[in-house]
Amino acid sequence: TSTRGAGLFGHGMRAGRYALTLVVCLLAAC
């Protein structure tokens, strides 16, 4: 649960492909 504010979404979309790759790597243990 986040306790921070706005400003993350734009960063997330710019790094979207990297973020999704990282998620898949984390969950599938690479």
PDB file of all heavy atoms in Angstrom:
ATOM      1  N   THR A   1       0.827  -1.182   0.000  1.00  0.00           N
ATOM      2  CA  THR A   1       0.000   0.000   0.000  1.00  0.00           C
ATOM      3  C   THR A   1       0.869   1.241   0.000  1.00  0.00           C
ATOM      4  O   THR A   1       1.685   1.440   0.878  1.00  0.00           O
ATOM      5  CB  THR A   1      -0.897   0.015   1.253  1.00  0.00           C
ATOM      6  OG1 THR A   1      -1.657  -1.185   1.263  1.00  0.00           O
ATOM      7  CG2 THR A   1      -1.814   1.201   1.255  1.00  0.00           C
ATOM      8  N   SER A   2       0.678   2.089  -0.974  1.00  0.00           N
ATOM      9  CA  SER A   2       1.552   3.247  -1.082  1.00  0.00           C
ATOM     10  C   SER A   2       1.150   4.320  -0.101  1.00  0.00           C
ATOM     11  O   SER A   2      -0.024   4.576   0.115  1.00  0.00           O
ATOM     12  CB  SER A   2       1.483   3.808  -2.499  1.00  0.00           C
ATOM     13  OG  SER A   2       2.213   5.008  -2.580  1.00  0.00           O
ATOM     14  N   THR A   3       2.124   4.983   0.488  1.00  0.00           N
ATOM     15  CA  THR A   3       1.874   6.157   1.300  1.00  0.00           C
ATOM     16  C   THR A   3       2.482   7.386   0.661  1.00  0.00           C
ATOM     17  O   THR A   3       2.748   8.374   1.311  1.00  0.00           O
ATOM     18  CB  THR A   3       2.454   5.969   2.711  1.00  0.00           C
ATOM     19  OG1 THR A   3       3.863   5.804   2.596  1.00  0.00           O
ATOM     20  CG2 THR A   3       1.851   4.767   3.382  1.00  0.00           C
ATOM     21  N   ARG A   4       2.693   7.337  -0.630  1.00  0.00           N
ATOM     22  CA  ARG A   4       3.266   8.462  -1.353  1.00  0.00           C
ATOM     23  C   ARG A   4       2.212   9.103  -2.254  1.00  0.00           C
ATOM     24  O   ARG A   4       1.097   8.632  -2.414  1.00  0.00           O
ATOM     25  CB  ARG A   4       4.448   7.989  -2.198  1.00  0.00           C
ATOM     26  CG  ARG A   4       5.610   7.590  -1.308  1.00  0.00           C
ATOM     27  CD  ARG A   4       6.272   8.847  -0.772  1.00  0.00           C
ATOM     28  NE  ARG A   4       7.378   8.455   0.063  1.00  0.00           N
ATOM     29  CZ  ARG A   4       7.348   8.467   1.369  1.00  0.00           C
ATOM     30  NH1 ARG A   4       6.285   8.835   2.013  1.00  0.00           N
ATOM     31  NH2 ARG A   4       8.395   8.112   2.071  1.00  0.00           N
ATOM     32  N   GLY A   5       2.605  10.140  -2.920  1.00  0.00           N
ATOM     33  CA  GLY A   5       1.661  10.916  -3.700  1.00  0.00           C
ATOM     34  C   GLY A   5       1.808  10.733  -5.180  1.00  0.00           C
ATOM     35  O   GLY A   5       2.225   9.709  -5.682  1.00  0.00           O
ATOM     36  N   ALA A   6       1.451  11.798  -5.921  1.00  0.00           N
ATOM     37  CA  ALA A   6       1.373  11.732  -7.368  1.00  0.00           C
ATOM     38  C   ALA A   6       2.753  11.800  -7.985  1.00  0.00           C
ATOM     39  O   ALA A   6       3.756  11.981  -7.336  1.00  0.00           O
ATOM     40  CB  ALA A   6       0.510  12.900  -7.867  1.00  0.00           C
ATOM     41  N   GLY A   7       2.776  11.655  -9.315  1.00  0.00           N
ATOM     42  CA  GLY A   7       4.019  11.831 -10.030  1.00  0.00           C
ATOM     43  C   GLY A   7       4.658  10.549 -10.489  1.00  0.00           C
ATOM     44  O   GLY A   7       5.653  10.567 -11.187  1.00  0.00           O
ATOM     45  N   LEU A   8       4.081   9.407 -10.122  1.00  0.00           N
ATOM     46  CA  LEU A   8       4.706   8.143 -10.469  1.00  0.00           C
ATOM     47  C   LEU A   8       4.233   7.613 -11.812  1.00  0.00           C
ATOM     48  O   LEU A   8       4.929   6.858 -12.471  1.00  0.00           O
ATOM     49  CB  LEU A   8       4.400   7.099  -9.386  1.00  0.00           C
ATOM     50  CG  LEU A   8       4.951   7.410  -7.996  1.00  0.00           C
ATOM     51  CD1 LEU A   8       4.440   6.383  -7.002  1.00  0.00           C
ATOM     52  CD2 LEU A   8       6.469   7.386  -8.016  1.00  0.00           C
ATOM     53  N   PHE A   9       3.022   7.992 -12.206  1.00  0.00           N
ATOM     54  CA  PHE A   9       2.452   7.350 -13.381  1.00  0.00           C
ATOM     55  C   PHE A   9       3.220   7.696 -14.643  1.00  0.00           C
ATOM     56  O   PHE A   9       3.516   6.837 -15.476  1.00  0.00           O
ATOM     57  CB  PHE A   9       0.980   7.744 -13.526  1.00  0.00           C
ATOM     58  CG  PHE A   9       0.323   7.119 -14.725  1.00  0.00           C
ATOM     59  CD1 PHE A   9       0.238   5.743 -14.840  1.00  0.00           C
ATOM     60  CD2 PHE A   9      -0.177   7.899 -15.744  1.00  0.00           C
ATOM     61  CE1 PHE A   9      -0.357   5.164 -15.948  1.00  0.00           C
ATOM     62  CE2 PHE A   9      -0.772   7.320 -16.851  1.00  0.00           C
ATOM     63  CZ  PHE A   9      -0.854   5.954 -16.947  1.00  0.00           C
ATOM     64  N   GLY A  10       3.587   8.963 -14.784  1.00  0.00           N
ATOM     65  CA  GLY A  10       4.333   9.333 -15.980  1.00  0.00           C
ATOM     66  C   GLY A  10       5.642   8.591 -16.076  1.00  0.00           C
ATOM     67  O   GLY A  10       6.025   8.094 -17.136  1.00  0.00           O
ATOM     68  N   HIS A  11       6.340   8.500 -14.965  1.00  0.00           N
ATOM     69  CA  HIS A  11       7.597   7.748 -14.944  1.00  0.00           C
ATOM     70  C   HIS A  11       7.350   6.298 -15.315  1.00  0.00           C
ATOM     71  O   HIS A  11       8.102   5.695 -16.080  1.00  0.00           O
ATOM     72  CB  HIS A  11       8.223   7.841 -13.550  1.00  0.00           C
ATOM     73  CG  HIS A  11       9.354   6.887 -13.352  1.00  0.00           C
ATOM     74  ND1 HIS A  11      10.592   7.091 -13.893  1.00  0.00           N
ATOM     75  CD2 HIS A  11       9.405   5.703 -12.685  1.00  0.00           C
ATOM     76  CE1 HIS A  11      11.387   6.087 -13.560  1.00  0.00           C
ATOM     77  NE2 HIS A  11      10.689   5.234 -12.822  1.00  0.00           N
ATOM     78  N   GLY A  12       6.233   5.738 -14.765  1.00  0.00           N
ATOM     79  CA  GLY A  12       5.943   4.330 -15.032  1.00  0.00           C
ATOM     80  C   GLY A  12       5.674   4.073 -16.499  1.00  0.00           C
ATOM     81  O   GLY A  12       6.091   3.039 -17.044  1.00  0.00           O
ATOM     82  N   MET A  13       4.980   4.979 -17.154  1.00  0.00           N
ATOM     83  CA  MET A  13       4.670   4.753 -18.566  1.00  0.00           C
ATOM     84  C   MET A  13       5.924   4.896 -19.421  1.00  0.00           C
ATOM     85  O   MET A  13       6.111   4.167 -20.381  1.00  0.00           O
ATOM     86  CB  MET A  13       3.590   5.734 -19.027  1.00  0.00           C
ATOM     87  CG  MET A  13       2.240   5.466 -18.357  1.00  0.00           C
ATOM     88  SD  MET A  13       1.602   3.771 -18.618  1.00  0.00           S
ATOM     89  CE  MET A  13       2.073   2.973 -17.083  1.00  0.00           C
ATOM     90  N   ARG A  14       6.824   5.821 -19.035  1.00  0.00           N
ATOM     91  CA  ARG A  14       8.065   5.957 -19.791  1.00  0.00           C
ATOM     92  C   ARG A  14       8.921   4.707 -19.650  1.00  0.00           C
ATOM     93  O   ARG A  14       9.670   4.349 -20.546  1.00  0.00           O
ATOM     94  CB  ARG A  14       8.841   7.192 -19.298  1.00  0.00           C
ATOM     95  CG  ARG A  14       8.214   8.510 -19.712  1.00  0.00           C
ATOM     96  CD  ARG A  14       9.180   9.657 -19.464  1.00  0.00           C
ATOM     97  NE  ARG A  14       9.535   9.789 -18.064  1.00  0.00           N
ATOM     98  CZ  ARG A  14       8.819  10.513 -17.202  1.00  0.00           C
ATOM     99  NH1 ARG A  14       7.726  11.128 -17.599  1.00  0.00           N
ATOM    100  NH2 ARG A  14       9.218  10.612 -15.949  1.00  0.00           N
ATOM    101  N   ALA A  15       8.817   4.072 -18.475  1.00  0.00           N
ATOM    102  CA  ALA A  15       9.630   2.874 -18.229  1.00  0.00           C
ATOM    103  C   ALA A  15       8.785   1.614 -18.324  1.00  0.00           C
ATOM    104  O   ALA A  15       9.132   0.586 -17.767  1.00  0.00           O
ATOM    105  CB  ALA A  15      10.272   2.973 -16.843  1.00  0.00           C
ATOM    106  N   GLY A  16       7.647   1.702 -19.026  1.00  0.00           N
ATOM    107  CA  GLY A  16       6.684   0.603 -19.038  1.00  0.00           C
ATOM    108  C   GLY A  16       7.259  -0.727 -19.476  1.00  0.00           C
ATOM    109  O   GLY A  16       7.032  -1.758 -18.846  1.00  0.00           O
ATOM    110  N   ARG A  17       8.001  -0.734 -20.586  1.00  0.00           N
ATOM    111  CA  ARG A  17       8.530  -2.005 -21.073  1.00  0.00           C
ATOM    112  C   ARG A  17       9.521  -2.610 -20.086  1.00  0.00           C
ATOM    113  O   ARG A  17       9.497  -3.799 -19.817  1.00  0.00           O
ATOM    114  CB  ARG A  17       9.208  -1.798 -22.430  1.00  0.00           C
ATOM    115  CG  ARG A  17       8.219  -1.454 -23.535  1.00  0.00           C
ATOM    116  CD  ARG A  17       8.925  -1.359 -24.884  1.00  0.00           C
ATOM    117  NE  ARG A  17       7.992  -1.045 -25.940  1.00  0.00           N
ATOM    118  CZ  ARG A  17       8.342  -0.895 -27.218  1.00  0.00           C
ATOM    119  NH1 ARG A  17       9.615  -1.032 -27.573  1.00  0.00           N
ATOM    120  NH2 ARG A  17       7.438  -0.601 -28.122  1.00  0.00           N
ATOM    121  N   TYR A  18      10.374  -1.752 -19.535  1.00  0.00           N
ATOM    122  CA  TYR A  18      11.332  -2.263 -18.544  1.00  0.00           C
ATOM    123  C   TYR A  18      10.603  -2.802 -17.322  1.00  0.00           C
ATOM    124  O   TYR A  18      10.938  -3.866 -16.806  1.00  0.00           O
ATOM    125  CB  TYR A  18      12.277  -1.157 -18.125  1.00  0.00           C
ATOM    126  CG  TYR A  18      13.083  -1.506 -16.905  1.00  0.00           C
ATOM    127  CD1 TYR A  18      14.163  -2.386 -16.987  1.00  0.00           C
ATOM    128  CD2 TYR A  18      12.744  -0.991 -15.652  1.00  0.00           C
ATOM    129  CE1 TYR A  18      14.902  -2.719 -15.864  1.00  0.00           C
ATOM    130  CE2 TYR A  18      13.474  -1.332 -14.529  1.00  0.00           C
ATOM    131  CZ  TYR A  18      14.548  -2.194 -14.639  1.00  0.00           C
ATOM    132  OH  TYR A  18      15.258  -2.522 -13.523  1.00  0.00           O
ATOM    133  N   ALA A  19       9.569  -2.065 -16.858  1.00  0.00           N
ATOM    134  CA  ALA A  19       8.834  -2.488 -15.668  1.00  0.00           C
ATOM    135  C   ALA A  19       8.187  -3.842 -15.886  1.00  0.00           C
ATOM    136  O   ALA A  19       8.249  -4.730 -15.030  1.00  0.00           O
ATOM    137  CB  ALA A  19       7.767  -1.444 -15.314  1.00  0.00           C
ATOM    138  N   LEU A  20       7.546  -4.033 -17.043  1.00  0.00           N
ATOM    139  CA  LEU A  20       6.878  -5.299 -17.306  1.00  0.00           C
ATOM    140  C   LEU A  20       7.879  -6.440 -17.408  1.00  0.00           C
ATOM    141  O   LEU A  20       7.648  -7.541 -16.892  1.00  0.00           O
ATOM    142  CB  LEU A  20       6.058  -5.196 -18.598  1.00  0.00           C
ATOM    143  CG  LEU A  20       5.208  -6.419 -18.948  1.00  0.00           C
ATOM    144  CD1 LEU A  20       4.293  -6.765 -17.785  1.00  0.00           C
ATOM    145  CD2 LEU A  20       4.390  -6.143 -20.205  1.00  0.00           C
ATOM    146  N   THR A  21       9.018  -6.182 -18.038  1.00  0.00           N
ATOM    147  CA  THR A  21      10.059  -7.215 -18.095  1.00  0.00           C
ATOM    148  C   THR A  21      10.516  -7.596 -16.701  1.00  0.00           C
ATOM    149  O   THR A  21      10.715  -8.771 -16.391  1.00  0.00           O
ATOM    150  CB  THR A  21      11.255  -6.711 -18.921  1.00  0.00           C
ATOM    151  OG1 THR A  21      10.813  -6.396 -20.232  1.00  0.00           O
ATOM    152  CG2 THR A  21      12.351  -7.764 -18.987  1.00  0.00           C
ATOM    153  N   LEU A  22      10.672  -6.582 -15.832  1.00  0.00           N
ATOM    154  CA  LEU A  22      11.101  -6.850 -14.462  1.00  0.00           C
ATOM    155  C   LEU A  22      10.070  -7.672 -13.713  1.00  0.00           C
ATOM    156  O   LEU A  22      10.418  -8.596 -12.981  1.00  0.00           O
ATOM    157  CB  LEU A  22      11.349  -5.523 -13.736  1.00  0.00           C
ATOM    158  CG  LEU A  22      11.805  -5.613 -12.270  1.00  0.00           C
ATOM    159  CD1 LEU A  22      13.098  -6.403 -12.182  1.00  0.00           C
ATOM    160  CD2 LEU A  22      11.977  -4.222 -11.689  1.00  0.00           C
ATOM    161  N   VAL A  23       8.788  -7.364 -13.897  1.00  0.00           N
ATOM    162  CA  VAL A  23       7.738  -8.139 -13.242  1.00  0.00           C
ATOM    163  C   VAL A  23       7.792  -9.598 -13.663  1.00  0.00           C
ATOM    164  O   VAL A  23       7.777 -10.507 -12.833  1.00  0.00           O
ATOM    165  CB  VAL A  23       6.345  -7.553 -13.567  1.00  0.00           C
ATOM    166  CG1 VAL A  23       5.254  -8.500 -13.106  1.00  0.00           C
ATOM    167  CG2 VAL A  23       6.170  -6.208 -12.901  1.00  0.00           C
ATOM    168  N   VAL A  24       7.857  -9.829 -14.955  1.00  0.00           N
ATOM    169  CA  VAL A  24       7.892 -11.204 -15.449  1.00  0.00           C
ATOM    170  C   VAL A  24       9.103 -11.929 -14.888  1.00  0.00           C
ATOM    171  O   VAL A  24       9.030 -13.087 -14.456  1.00  0.00           O
ATOM    172  CB  VAL A  24       7.910 -11.216 -16.987  1.00  0.00           C
ATOM    173  CG1 VAL A  24       8.101 -12.631 -17.497  1.00  0.00           C
ATOM    174  CG2 VAL A  24       6.606 -10.634 -17.532  1.00  0.00           C
ATOM    175  N   CYS A  25      10.256 -11.238 -14.836  1.00  0.00           N
ATOM    176  CA  CYS A  25      11.472 -11.851 -14.300  1.00  0.00           C
ATOM    177  C   CYS A  25      11.311 -12.187 -12.824  1.00  0.00           C
ATOM    178  O   CYS A  25      11.690 -13.263 -12.376  1.00  0.00           O
ATOM    179  CB  CYS A  25      12.647 -10.908 -14.500  1.00  0.00           C
ATOM    180  SG  CYS A  25      14.246 -11.605 -14.034  1.00  0.00           S
ATOM    181  N   LEU A  26      10.704 -11.271 -12.065  1.00  0.00           N
ATOM    182  CA  LEU A  26      10.517 -11.519 -10.642  1.00  0.00           C
ATOM    183  C   LEU A  26       9.584 -12.686 -10.387  1.00  0.00           C
ATOM    184  O   LEU A  26       9.838 -13.544  -9.550  1.00  0.00           O
ATOM    185  CB  LEU A  26       9.932 -10.263  -9.974  1.00  0.00           C
ATOM    186  CG  LEU A  26      10.899  -9.118  -9.684  1.00  0.00           C
ATOM    187  CD1 LEU A  26      10.112  -7.877  -9.324  1.00  0.00           C
ATOM    188  CD2 LEU A  26      11.833  -9.502  -8.554  1.00  0.00           C
ATOM    189  N   LEU A  27       8.484 -12.733 -11.119  1.00  0.00           N
ATOM    190  CA  LEU A  27       7.463 -13.734 -10.828  1.00  0.00           C
ATOM    191  C   LEU A  27       7.830 -15.094 -11.386  1.00  0.00           C
ATOM    192  O   LEU A  27       7.511 -16.124 -10.799  1.00  0.00           O
ATOM    193  CB  LEU A  27       6.113 -13.276 -11.392  1.00  0.00           C
ATOM    194  CG  LEU A  27       5.660 -11.891 -10.909  1.00  0.00           C
ATOM    195  CD1 LEU A  27       4.255 -11.611 -11.386  1.00  0.00           C
ATOM    196  CD2 LEU A  27       5.737 -11.806  -9.393  1.00  0.00           C
ATOM    197  N   ALA A  28       8.497 -15.116 -12.507  1.00  0.00           N
ATOM    198  CA  ALA A  28       8.882 -16.395 -13.096  1.00  0.00           C
ATOM    199  C   ALA A  28      10.284 -16.808 -12.684  1.00  0.00           C
ATOM    200  O   ALA A  28      10.808 -17.794 -13.159  1.00  0.00           O
ATOM    201  CB  ALA A  28       8.808 -16.308 -14.622  1.00  0.00           C
ATOM    202  N   ALA A  29      10.891 -16.025 -11.776  1.00  0.00           N
ATOM    203  CA  ALA A  29      12.243 -16.306 -11.271  1.00  0.00           C
ATOM    204  C   ALA A  29      13.247 -16.386 -12.409  1.00  0.00           C
ATOM    205  O   ALA A  29      14.219 -17.124 -12.375  1.00  0.00           O
ATOM    206  CB  ALA A  29      12.269 -17.589 -10.446  1.00  0.00           C
ATOM    207  N   CYS A  30      13.015 -15.583 -13.467  1.00  0.00           N
ATOM    208  CA  CYS A  30      13.959 -15.458 -14.579  1.00  0.00           C
ATOM    209  C   CYS A  30      14.361 -16.820 -15.148  1.00  0.00           C
ATOM    210  O   CYS A  30      15.513 -17.221 -15.093  1.00  0.00           O
ATOM    211  CB  CYS A  30      15.185 -14.668 -14.139  1.00  0.00           C
ATOM    212  SG  CYS A  30      14.813 -12.943 -13.789  1.00  0.00           S
TER     213      CYS A  30
END
